[in-house]
Amino acid sequence: MTQATIHQAKTHLSKLIRKALDGEEVIIANRDKPLVRLEAVRLKEIERKLGSGKGLVTYIAPDFDEPLEDLAEYMETAEEERCGAKGRCVANEWLPPGHSHRVVGI
């Protein structure tokens, strides 16, 4: 156990914190009267178990993975901007630096 006065604690706070983090008990006292205990905050690690969410999702709509009508126009516009109005985009192909896609004419 380490005991320090308030003045010593102000002067050597980082050393006292290191001791507390190492698991040592650190007491800050006024003269010889203990006032506070300095201790490290230990966060609990959450134990994750496979299958722990089973049963939480009770319903998935039949059209869950269907395209959203609200985004149809946006998706078409985005595709045209990326690949050009009359071209087609070639994905997963090596491109020179600075080029994010290649337009291939039809």
N, C-alpha and C. Protein backbone atom coordinates (compact mmCIF):
# COMPACT_ATOMS: atom_id res chain seq x y z
N MET A 1 0.84 -1.18 0.00
CA MET A 1 0.00 0.00 0.00
C MET A 1 0.88 1.24 0.00
N THR A 2 0.48 2.23 -0.80
CA THR A 2 1.19 3.50 -0.85
C THR A 2 0.29 4.57 -0.28
N GLN A 3 0.84 5.38 0.61
CA GLN A 3 0.08 6.49 1.16
C GLN A 3 0.85 7.76 0.87
N ALA A 4 0.12 8.79 0.39
CA ALA A 4 0.74 10.06 0.06
C ALA A 4 -0.10 11.20 0.61
N THR A 5 0.55 12.29 0.94
CA THR A 5 -0.18 13.48 1.38
C THR A 5 -0.77 14.17 0.15
N ILE A 6 -1.65 15.11 0.38
CA ILE A 6 -2.26 15.84 -0.74
C ILE A 6 -1.18 16.53 -1.56
N HIS A 7 -0.22 17.14 -0.91
CA HIS A 7 0.87 17.82 -1.63
C HIS A 7 1.67 16.81 -2.46
N GLN A 8 2.02 15.68 -1.88
CA GLN A 8 2.76 14.66 -2.62
C GLN A 8 1.93 14.13 -3.79
N ALA A 9 0.62 13.97 -3.58
CA ALA A 9 -0.24 13.48 -4.65
C ALA A 9 -0.27 14.46 -5.82
N LYS A 10 -0.32 15.77 -5.52
CA LYS A 10 -0.32 16.77 -6.60
C LYS A 10 1.02 16.74 -7.34
N THR A 11 2.08 16.54 -6.63
CA THR A 11 3.41 16.55 -7.23
C THR A 11 3.69 15.29 -8.03
N HIS A 12 3.24 14.14 -7.53
CA HIS A 12 3.58 12.85 -8.13
C HIS A 12 2.34 12.09 -8.62
N LEU A 13 1.34 12.80 -9.13
CA LEU A 13 0.08 12.17 -9.51
C LEU A 13 0.27 11.07 -10.55
N SER A 14 1.09 11.31 -11.57
CA SER A 14 1.25 10.30 -12.62
C SER A 14 1.86 9.01 -12.05
N LYS A 15 2.80 9.12 -11.13
CA LYS A 15 3.39 7.92 -10.51
C LYS A 15 2.35 7.17 -9.69
N LEU A 16 1.52 7.91 -8.95
CA LEU A 16 0.49 7.27 -8.14
C LEU A 16 -0.56 6.59 -9.02
N ILE A 17 -0.89 7.22 -10.14
CA ILE A 17 -1.84 6.61 -11.07
C ILE A 17 -1.27 5.31 -11.62
N ARG A 18 0.01 5.30 -11.99
CA ARG A 18 0.64 4.08 -12.51
C ARG A 18 0.58 2.96 -11.48
N LYS A 19 0.83 3.31 -10.21
CA LYS A 19 0.77 2.30 -9.15
C LYS A 19 -0.64 1.74 -9.02
N ALA A 20 -1.64 2.63 -9.09
CA ALA A 20 -3.03 2.17 -8.99
C ALA A 20 -3.39 1.28 -10.17
N LEU A 21 -2.93 1.63 -11.36
CA LEU A 21 -3.19 0.81 -12.54
C LEU A 21 -2.53 -0.55 -12.43
N ASP A 22 -1.41 -0.62 -11.73
CA ASP A 22 -0.72 -1.89 -11.52
C ASP A 22 -1.37 -2.73 -10.42
N GLY A 23 -2.43 -2.19 -9.81
CA GLY A 23 -3.15 -2.95 -8.80
C GLY A 23 -2.80 -2.62 -7.37
N GLU A 24 -1.89 -1.69 -7.18
CA GLU A 24 -1.50 -1.34 -5.82
C GLU A 24 -2.53 -0.40 -5.21
N GLU A 25 -2.75 -0.52 -3.91
CA GLU A 25 -3.68 0.37 -3.22
C GLU A 25 -2.96 1.69 -2.94
N VAL A 26 -3.59 2.79 -3.37
CA VAL A 26 -3.01 4.12 -3.17
C VAL A 26 -3.99 4.95 -2.35
N ILE A 27 -3.50 5.46 -1.21
CA ILE A 27 -4.32 6.27 -0.32
C ILE A 27 -3.75 7.68 -0.29
N ILE A 28 -4.64 8.67 -0.42
CA ILE A 28 -4.22 10.06 -0.30
C ILE A 28 -4.75 10.56 1.04
N ALA A 29 -3.83 11.12 1.83
CA ALA A 29 -4.16 11.49 3.21
C ALA A 29 -3.88 12.97 3.45
N ASN A 30 -4.56 13.49 4.45
CA ASN A 30 -4.26 14.83 4.95
C ASN A 30 -3.50 14.62 6.24
N ARG A 31 -2.20 14.88 6.16
CA ARG A 31 -1.25 14.53 7.22
C ARG A 31 -1.26 13.02 7.38
N ASP A 32 -1.74 12.46 8.46
CA ASP A 32 -1.77 11.01 8.61
C ASP A 32 -3.18 10.45 8.53
N LYS A 33 -4.16 11.30 8.24
CA LYS A 33 -5.55 10.86 8.20
C LYS A 33 -5.94 10.52 6.76
N PRO A 34 -6.20 9.25 6.44
CA PRO A 34 -6.58 8.86 5.08
C PRO A 34 -7.88 9.56 4.65
N LEU A 35 -7.87 10.10 3.42
CA LEU A 35 -9.05 10.80 2.90
C LEU A 35 -9.71 10.05 1.74
N VAL A 36 -8.89 9.69 0.76
CA VAL A 36 -9.44 9.04 -0.43
C VAL A 36 -8.54 7.89 -0.87
N ARG A 37 -9.16 6.99 -1.63
CA ARG A 37 -8.43 5.87 -2.20
C ARG A 37 -8.40 6.08 -3.72
N LEU A 38 -7.24 5.95 -4.30
CA LEU A 38 -7.08 6.05 -5.75
C LEU A 38 -7.02 4.64 -6.31
N GLU A 39 -7.99 4.31 -7.16
CA GLU A 39 -8.00 2.97 -7.74
C GLU A 39 -8.37 3.04 -9.21
N ALA A 40 -7.89 2.08 -9.95
CA ALA A 40 -8.13 2.02 -11.39
C ALA A 40 -9.56 1.59 -11.67
N VAL A 41 -10.11 2.12 -12.73
CA VAL A 41 -11.43 1.72 -13.18
C VAL A 41 -11.25 0.51 -14.07
N ARG A 42 -11.86 -0.57 -13.71
CA ARG A 42 -11.77 -1.81 -14.49
C ARG A 42 -13.07 -1.99 -15.26
N LEU A 43 -12.98 -1.98 -16.57
CA LEU A 43 -14.16 -2.18 -17.40
C LEU A 43 -14.42 -3.67 -17.56
N LYS A 44 -15.67 -4.04 -17.42
CA LYS A 44 -16.02 -5.44 -17.59
C LYS A 44 -16.01 -5.77 -19.07
N GLU A 45 -15.39 -6.87 -19.40
CA GLU A 45 -15.43 -7.33 -20.78
C GLU A 45 -16.71 -8.12 -20.98
N ILE A 46 -17.43 -7.78 -22.03
CA ILE A 46 -18.67 -8.46 -22.32
C ILE A 46 -18.35 -9.78 -23.01
N GLU A 47 -18.85 -10.83 -22.43
CA GLU A 47 -18.62 -12.14 -23.02
C GLU A 47 -19.67 -12.37 -24.10
N ARG A 48 -19.22 -12.59 -25.31
CA ARG A 48 -20.13 -12.80 -26.42
C ARG A 48 -20.23 -14.28 -26.71
N LYS A 49 -21.46 -14.74 -26.87
CA LYS A 49 -21.68 -16.15 -27.13
C LYS A 49 -22.41 -16.32 -28.44
N LEU A 50 -21.97 -17.27 -29.22
CA LEU A 50 -22.61 -17.59 -30.48
C LEU A 50 -24.06 -18.01 -30.24
N GLY A 51 -24.98 -17.39 -30.97
CA GLY A 51 -26.39 -17.74 -30.84
C GLY A 51 -27.12 -16.97 -29.75
N SER A 52 -26.46 -16.00 -29.11
CA SER A 52 -27.10 -15.29 -28.01
C SER A 52 -28.25 -14.40 -28.48
N GLY A 53 -28.33 -14.09 -29.77
CA GLY A 53 -29.43 -13.27 -30.29
C GLY A 53 -30.58 -14.09 -30.84
N LYS A 54 -30.50 -15.40 -30.69
CA LYS A 54 -31.54 -16.29 -31.23
C LYS A 54 -32.90 -15.92 -30.63
N GLY A 55 -33.88 -15.76 -31.53
CA GLY A 55 -35.23 -15.44 -31.08
C GLY A 55 -35.52 -13.96 -30.97
N LEU A 56 -34.51 -13.10 -31.13
CA LEU A 56 -34.75 -11.66 -31.02
C LEU A 56 -35.48 -11.10 -32.24
N VAL A 57 -35.19 -11.62 -33.42
CA VAL A 57 -35.89 -11.20 -34.62
C VAL A 57 -37.06 -12.15 -34.82
N THR A 58 -38.26 -11.60 -34.68
CA THR A 58 -39.44 -12.47 -34.74
C THR A 58 -40.15 -12.39 -36.08
N TYR A 59 -39.86 -11.35 -36.88
CA TYR A 59 -40.55 -11.21 -38.16
C TYR A 59 -39.65 -10.50 -39.16
N ILE A 60 -39.59 -11.04 -40.36
CA ILE A 60 -38.91 -10.40 -41.48
C ILE A 60 -39.88 -10.39 -42.64
N ALA A 61 -40.15 -9.20 -43.17
CA ALA A 61 -41.10 -9.07 -44.26
C ALA A 61 -40.62 -9.86 -45.47
N PRO A 62 -41.54 -10.42 -46.27
CA PRO A 62 -41.17 -11.20 -47.45
C PRO A 62 -40.36 -10.39 -48.47
N ASP A 63 -40.61 -9.09 -48.52
CA ASP A 63 -39.90 -8.24 -49.48
C ASP A 63 -38.69 -7.52 -48.85
N PHE A 64 -38.17 -8.07 -47.77
CA PHE A 64 -37.07 -7.45 -47.03
C PHE A 64 -35.89 -7.06 -47.92
N ASP A 65 -35.47 -7.95 -48.82
CA ASP A 65 -34.29 -7.69 -49.64
C ASP A 65 -34.62 -7.21 -51.05
N GLU A 66 -35.85 -6.79 -51.29
CA GLU A 66 -36.23 -6.24 -52.59
C GLU A 66 -35.74 -4.80 -52.69
N PRO A 67 -35.47 -4.31 -53.92
CA PRO A 67 -35.07 -2.91 -54.08
C PRO A 67 -36.17 -1.97 -53.58
N LEU A 68 -35.76 -0.85 -53.00
CA LEU A 68 -36.71 0.13 -52.51
C LEU A 68 -37.14 1.04 -53.64
N GLU A 69 -38.44 1.20 -53.82
CA GLU A 69 -38.96 2.04 -54.89
C GLU A 69 -38.51 3.49 -54.71
N ASP A 70 -38.41 3.94 -53.49
CA ASP A 70 -38.01 5.33 -53.22
C ASP A 70 -36.62 5.63 -53.76
N LEU A 71 -35.77 4.62 -53.86
CA LEU A 71 -34.39 4.84 -54.29
C LEU A 71 -34.15 4.50 -55.76
N ALA A 72 -35.14 4.03 -56.47
CA ALA A 72 -34.95 3.58 -57.85
C ALA A 72 -34.37 4.69 -58.73
N GLU A 73 -34.95 5.87 -58.67
CA GLU A 73 -34.47 6.98 -59.50
C GLU A 73 -33.04 7.36 -59.11
N TYR A 74 -32.78 7.41 -57.84
CA TYR A 74 -31.44 7.74 -57.36
C TYR A 74 -30.41 6.73 -57.87
N MET A 75 -30.74 5.45 -57.79
CA MET A 75 -29.81 4.41 -58.21
C MET A 75 -29.51 4.50 -59.71
N GLU A 76 -30.53 4.78 -60.52
CA GLU A 76 -30.32 4.93 -61.96
C GLU A 76 -29.43 6.12 -62.25
N THR A 77 -29.68 7.23 -61.58
CA THR A 77 -28.88 8.45 -61.77
C THR A 77 -27.44 8.20 -61.34
N ALA A 78 -27.26 7.53 -60.23
CA ALA A 78 -25.91 7.25 -59.73
C ALA A 78 -25.16 6.35 -60.70
N GLU A 79 -25.83 5.37 -61.27
CA GLU A 79 -25.20 4.45 -62.23
C GLU A 79 -24.78 5.21 -63.48
N GLU A 80 -25.63 6.11 -63.97
CA GLU A 80 -25.29 6.90 -65.16
C GLU A 80 -24.10 7.81 -64.89
N GLU A 81 -24.05 8.40 -63.70
CA GLU A 81 -22.94 9.29 -63.36
C GLU A 81 -21.63 8.50 -63.28
N ARG A 82 -21.68 7.28 -62.75
CA ARG A 82 -20.48 6.46 -62.63
C ARG A 82 -20.03 5.90 -63.97
N CYS A 83 -20.96 5.48 -64.81
CA CYS A 83 -20.59 4.71 -65.99
C CYS A 83 -20.94 5.39 -67.31
N GLY A 84 -21.57 6.53 -67.27
CA GLY A 84 -21.95 7.21 -68.50
C GLY A 84 -23.31 6.74 -68.98
N ALA A 85 -24.02 7.61 -69.67
CA ALA A 85 -25.39 7.32 -70.10
C ALA A 85 -25.46 6.16 -71.08
N LYS A 86 -24.44 5.99 -71.96
CA LYS A 86 -24.51 4.94 -72.98
C LYS A 86 -23.44 3.87 -72.79
N GLY A 87 -22.77 3.89 -71.67
CA GLY A 87 -21.72 2.90 -71.46
C GLY A 87 -22.12 1.88 -70.43
N ARG A 88 -21.24 0.95 -70.20
CA ARG A 88 -21.48 0.00 -69.12
C ARG A 88 -20.24 -0.04 -68.27
N CYS A 89 -20.43 -0.21 -67.02
CA CYS A 89 -19.35 -0.17 -66.05
C CYS A 89 -18.73 -1.56 -65.93
N VAL A 90 -17.43 -1.63 -65.94
CA VAL A 90 -16.75 -2.90 -65.76
C VAL A 90 -16.17 -2.90 -64.35
N ALA A 91 -16.67 -3.80 -63.52
CA ALA A 91 -16.25 -3.84 -62.12
C ALA A 91 -15.15 -4.88 -61.92
N ASN A 92 -14.50 -4.80 -60.78
CA ASN A 92 -13.48 -5.77 -60.36
C ASN A 92 -12.37 -5.93 -61.39
N GLU A 93 -11.92 -4.85 -61.95
CA GLU A 93 -10.86 -4.89 -62.93
C GLU A 93 -9.79 -3.90 -62.49
N TRP A 94 -8.52 -4.22 -62.70
CA TRP A 94 -7.48 -3.30 -62.30
C TRP A 94 -7.55 -2.04 -63.13
N LEU A 95 -7.46 -0.89 -62.46
CA LEU A 95 -7.50 0.40 -63.13
C LEU A 95 -6.29 1.21 -62.71
N PRO A 96 -5.83 2.11 -63.56
CA PRO A 96 -4.69 2.96 -63.20
C PRO A 96 -5.05 3.84 -62.00
N PRO A 97 -4.05 4.29 -61.24
CA PRO A 97 -4.31 5.17 -60.10
C PRO A 97 -5.10 6.40 -60.54
N GLY A 98 -6.05 6.80 -59.72
CA GLY A 98 -6.87 7.98 -60.01
C GLY A 98 -8.13 7.65 -60.78
N HIS A 99 -8.32 6.42 -61.22
CA HIS A 99 -9.52 6.02 -61.95
C HIS A 99 -10.33 5.07 -61.09
N SER A 100 -11.61 5.42 -60.85
CA SER A 100 -12.43 4.57 -60.00
C SER A 100 -13.25 3.57 -60.82
N HIS A 101 -13.40 3.80 -62.13
CA HIS A 101 -14.16 2.89 -62.97
C HIS A 101 -13.77 3.09 -64.42
N ARG A 102 -14.14 2.17 -65.26
CA ARG A 102 -13.84 2.27 -66.69
C ARG A 102 -15.14 2.16 -67.46
N VAL A 103 -15.34 3.05 -68.42
CA VAL A 103 -16.56 3.03 -69.25
C VAL A 103 -16.24 2.30 -70.54
N VAL A 104 -17.09 1.35 -70.86
CA VAL A 104 -16.91 0.56 -72.08
C VAL A 104 -18.12 0.84 -72.96
N GLY A 105 -17.90 1.26 -74.19
CA GLY A 105 -19.01 1.55 -75.10
C GLY A 105 -19.76 0.29 -75.49
N ILE A 106 -21.01 0.47 -75.78
CA ILE A 106 -21.85 -0.67 -76.18
C ILE A 106 -21.85 -0.82 -77.68
